[in-house]
Amino acid sequence: MSDKPTIESKFEQGLFGSRWLMAPMYLGLVVSLAMLVVIFVRELFYYAPQVLTMTADQGILSILTLIDLSLAANLLLIVLFSGYENFVSKLDITSNDRPDWMGKVDFSGLKMKLIASIVAISGIHLLKVFMGLGKPDSAYPVTTETLRWMVIIHLTFVISGVLLALMDWLAAKTDKH
C-alpha cells in the first residue's frame, strides 16, 4: 500500500491520464496526412499529362515538388508515431511491417528527425527558387531581398540542426544524474 494520501494519488492519476488529451491532436495529424496525400495526387495528375512537353528544368521542378510533399508526409508520420508513443501510449502493433525506428525514437531523436526534415524541405524549396533564377517565365520569381532572406532562414535551420546535434552529443557524454 502506498504511503501517499489518497488525494495526492488521485491527483497524480488524473495528471498522468491527461496525456490522453493529446490523442485528438494526433488524430488531427492523420487528417493532415490525408490532406497531403490529396495535394500530392493533385500535383501528380497536374504534371503527368505535361511530361512529354516539359523541359528538363520543368521536370526537375515538378519532381522536387513531389519530393517536398513526400518529405513533409514523412515528417508528419515521424511526429505522429513517435509523439504518440513517447507521450501518450505505446502502439500495440503485432504486424511484421512495423518500421524499425518505431518505439526507438526518443524526444532527442524526434528533434533531430524534425530538424533534418525541415532542413531538407527548406533546401528543396531553395533549390526550386535557384533553378528559376533569371528565367522570365519562372514559377518561382523572387527579388534579391527575398532570396537573401530565404538563404538566411535556410542557414538558420542548418545551424540550429548542428547545434541541436552538438547539444545532444554533449548531453550523451555527461553522466546521468
Protein backbone atom coordinates (compact mmCIF):
# COMPACT_ATOMS: atom_id res chain seq x y z
CA MET A 1 0.00 0.00 0.00
CA SER A 2 1.24 3.47 -0.84
CA ASP A 3 2.18 5.94 1.89
CA LYS A 4 0.75 8.80 -0.18
CA PRO A 5 -2.51 10.43 0.80
CA THR A 6 -5.49 9.44 -1.34
CA ILE A 7 -5.94 12.95 -2.72
CA GLU A 8 -2.33 13.05 -3.92
CA SER A 9 -2.65 9.64 -5.59
CA LYS A 10 -5.89 10.65 -7.33
CA PHE A 11 -4.31 13.94 -8.46
CA GLU A 12 -1.29 12.11 -9.89
CA GLN A 13 -3.51 9.56 -11.66
CA GLY A 14 -5.50 12.41 -13.19
CA LEU A 15 -2.33 14.21 -14.18
CA PHE A 16 -0.96 11.05 -15.79
CA GLY A 17 -4.28 10.41 -17.55
CA SER A 18 -4.24 13.92 -19.02
CA ARG A 19 -1.76 12.69 -21.61
CA TRP A 20 -4.80 11.36 -23.49
CA LEU A 21 -5.75 14.96 -24.25
CA MET A 22 -3.03 14.74 -26.91
CA ALA A 23 -4.84 11.92 -28.75
CA PRO A 24 -7.18 14.26 -30.72
CA MET A 25 -4.12 16.19 -31.86
CA TYR A 26 -2.57 13.03 -33.26
CA LEU A 27 -5.87 12.25 -34.96
CA GLY A 28 -5.69 15.75 -36.47
CA LEU A 29 -2.23 14.89 -37.81
CA VAL A 30 -3.73 11.83 -39.51
CA VAL A 31 -6.23 14.17 -41.21
CA SER A 32 -3.30 16.43 -42.18
CA LEU A 33 -1.56 13.42 -43.71
CA ALA A 34 -4.68 12.66 -45.76
CA MET A 35 -4.69 16.31 -46.90
CA LEU A 36 -1.08 15.94 -48.06
CA VAL A 37 -1.99 12.79 -49.99
CA VAL A 38 -4.75 14.69 -51.80
CA ILE A 39 -2.35 17.53 -52.63
CA PHE A 40 0.30 15.04 -53.80
CA VAL A 41 -2.16 13.24 -56.08
CA ARG A 42 -3.46 16.56 -57.42
CA GLU A 43 0.11 17.67 -58.24
CA LEU A 44 0.93 14.30 -59.81
CA PHE A 45 -2.13 14.43 -62.06
CA TYR A 46 -1.29 18.04 -62.95
CA TYR A 47 2.27 17.24 -64.02
CA ALA A 48 1.83 13.77 -65.55
CA PRO A 49 -0.01 14.88 -68.74
CA GLN A 50 2.66 17.55 -69.33
CA VAL A 51 5.63 15.19 -69.14
CA LEU A 52 6.10 14.97 -72.93
CA THR A 53 6.21 18.76 -73.33
CA MET A 54 8.24 19.65 -70.22
CA THR A 55 11.78 20.95 -70.35
CA ALA A 56 14.33 19.20 -68.17
CA ASP A 57 14.15 22.07 -65.66
CA GLN A 58 10.36 21.87 -65.51
CA GLY A 59 10.58 18.11 -64.99
CA ILE A 60 13.08 18.51 -62.18
CA LEU A 61 10.96 21.21 -60.55
CA SER A 62 7.86 19.03 -60.70
CA ILE A 63 9.74 16.09 -59.21
CA LEU A 64 11.17 18.33 -56.46
CA THR A 65 7.62 19.44 -55.66
CA LEU A 66 6.55 15.80 -55.23
CA ILE A 67 9.66 15.03 -53.15
CA ASP A 68 8.92 18.06 -50.99
CA LEU A 69 5.41 16.77 -50.31
CA SER A 70 6.65 13.27 -49.52
CA LEU A 71 9.24 14.65 -47.07
CA ALA A 72 6.51 16.65 -45.35
CA ALA A 73 4.40 13.46 -45.14
CA ASN A 74 7.38 11.53 -43.71
CA LEU A 75 7.83 14.26 -41.13
CA LEU A 76 4.16 14.01 -40.19
CA LEU A 77 4.44 10.23 -39.75
CA ILE A 78 7.52 10.55 -37.56
CA VAL A 79 5.86 13.16 -35.34
CA LEU A 80 2.61 11.19 -35.29
CA PHE A 81 4.07 7.81 -34.30
CA SER A 82 6.96 8.97 -32.13
CA GLY A 83 4.92 11.63 -30.38
CA TYR A 84 2.09 9.23 -29.65
CA GLU A 85 4.44 6.52 -28.38
CA ASN A 86 6.56 8.92 -26.31
CA PHE A 87 3.78 10.98 -24.78
CA VAL A 88 0.50 9.03 -24.87
CA SER A 89 0.76 5.25 -25.16
CA LYS A 90 2.77 2.52 -26.84
CA LEU A 91 1.28 1.31 -30.11
CA ASP A 92 0.39 -2.35 -29.64
CA ILE A 93 1.12 -3.39 -33.22
CA THR A 94 2.00 -7.04 -33.78
CA SER A 95 2.39 -6.70 -37.54
CA ASN A 96 5.72 -7.63 -39.13
CA ASP A 97 5.77 -4.45 -41.21
CA ARG A 98 6.35 -2.20 -38.20
CA PRO A 99 9.20 0.19 -39.13
CA ASP A 100 12.46 -0.44 -37.23
CA TRP A 101 12.60 3.08 -35.82
CA MET A 102 9.16 2.85 -34.16
CA GLY A 103 9.45 2.65 -30.42
CA LYS A 104 13.12 3.64 -30.58
CA VAL A 105 12.85 7.34 -31.39
CA ASP A 106 13.01 9.27 -28.13
CA PHE A 107 12.41 13.00 -27.78
CA SER A 108 16.02 13.76 -28.71
CA GLY A 109 15.79 11.59 -31.82
CA LEU A 110 12.45 13.16 -32.68
CA LYS A 111 14.04 16.64 -32.51
CA MET A 112 16.85 15.54 -34.82
CA LYS A 113 14.50 13.95 -37.34
CA LEU A 114 12.30 17.03 -37.23
CA ILE A 115 15.13 19.49 -37.88
CA ALA A 116 16.64 17.24 -40.56
CA SER A 117 13.29 17.13 -42.37
CA ILE A 118 12.87 20.90 -42.07
CA VAL A 119 16.37 21.45 -43.49
CA ALA A 120 15.65 19.06 -46.37
CA ILE A 121 12.30 20.70 -47.16
CA SER A 122 13.86 24.18 -46.95
CA GLY A 123 16.76 23.07 -49.16
CA ILE A 124 14.42 21.67 -51.81
CA HIS A 125 12.36 24.86 -51.82
CA LEU A 126 15.55 26.93 -52.12
CA LEU A 127 16.77 24.72 -54.98
CA LYS A 128 13.47 25.25 -56.81
CA VAL A 129 13.92 29.01 -56.46
CA PHE A 130 17.56 28.86 -57.59
CA MET A 131 16.57 26.88 -60.68
CA GLY A 132 14.12 29.62 -61.63
CA LEU A 133 16.60 32.49 -61.28
CA GLY A 134 16.99 34.54 -64.44
CA LYS A 135 14.10 32.85 -66.22
CA PRO A 136 11.31 35.29 -67.09
CA ASP A 137 8.61 32.58 -67.01
CA SER A 138 9.76 31.12 -63.69
CA ALA A 139 7.10 29.67 -61.41
CA TYR A 140 9.19 30.98 -58.50
CA PRO A 141 10.03 34.64 -59.22
CA VAL A 142 11.86 36.27 -56.31
CA THR A 143 13.59 39.52 -55.54
CA THR A 144 17.18 39.69 -54.35
CA GLU A 145 15.93 40.66 -50.89
CA THR A 146 13.56 37.65 -50.74
CA LEU A 147 16.32 35.31 -51.91
CA ARG A 148 18.69 36.70 -49.29
CA TRP A 149 16.14 36.04 -46.54
CA MET A 150 15.43 32.55 -47.86
CA VAL A 151 19.14 31.69 -47.69
CA ILE A 152 19.44 33.23 -44.21
CA ILE A 153 16.44 31.24 -42.97
CA HIS A 154 17.77 28.03 -44.52
CA LEU A 155 21.18 28.58 -42.92
CA THR A 156 19.43 29.25 -39.61
CA PHE A 157 17.75 25.83 -39.90
CA VAL A 158 21.08 24.19 -40.73
CA ILE A 159 22.91 25.88 -37.85
CA SER A 160 20.04 25.02 -35.48
CA GLY A 161 20.31 21.39 -36.53
CA VAL A 162 24.05 21.34 -35.95
CA LEU A 163 23.65 22.99 -32.55
CA LEU A 164 20.89 20.55 -31.53
CA ALA A 165 23.09 17.62 -32.56
CA LEU A 166 26.00 19.10 -30.62
CA MET A 167 23.85 19.58 -27.51
CA ASP A 168 22.56 16.00 -27.74
CA TRP A 169 26.09 14.71 -28.21
CA LEU A 170 27.32 16.69 -25.18
CA ALA A 171 24.35 15.51 -23.09
CA ALA A 172 25.08 11.90 -24.02
CA LYS A 173 28.73 12.29 -22.95
CA THR A 174 27.85 13.67 -19.49
CA ASP A 175 26.98 11.45 -16.57
CA LYS A 176 23.30 10.98 -15.92
CA HIS A 177 22.15 12.36 -12.58
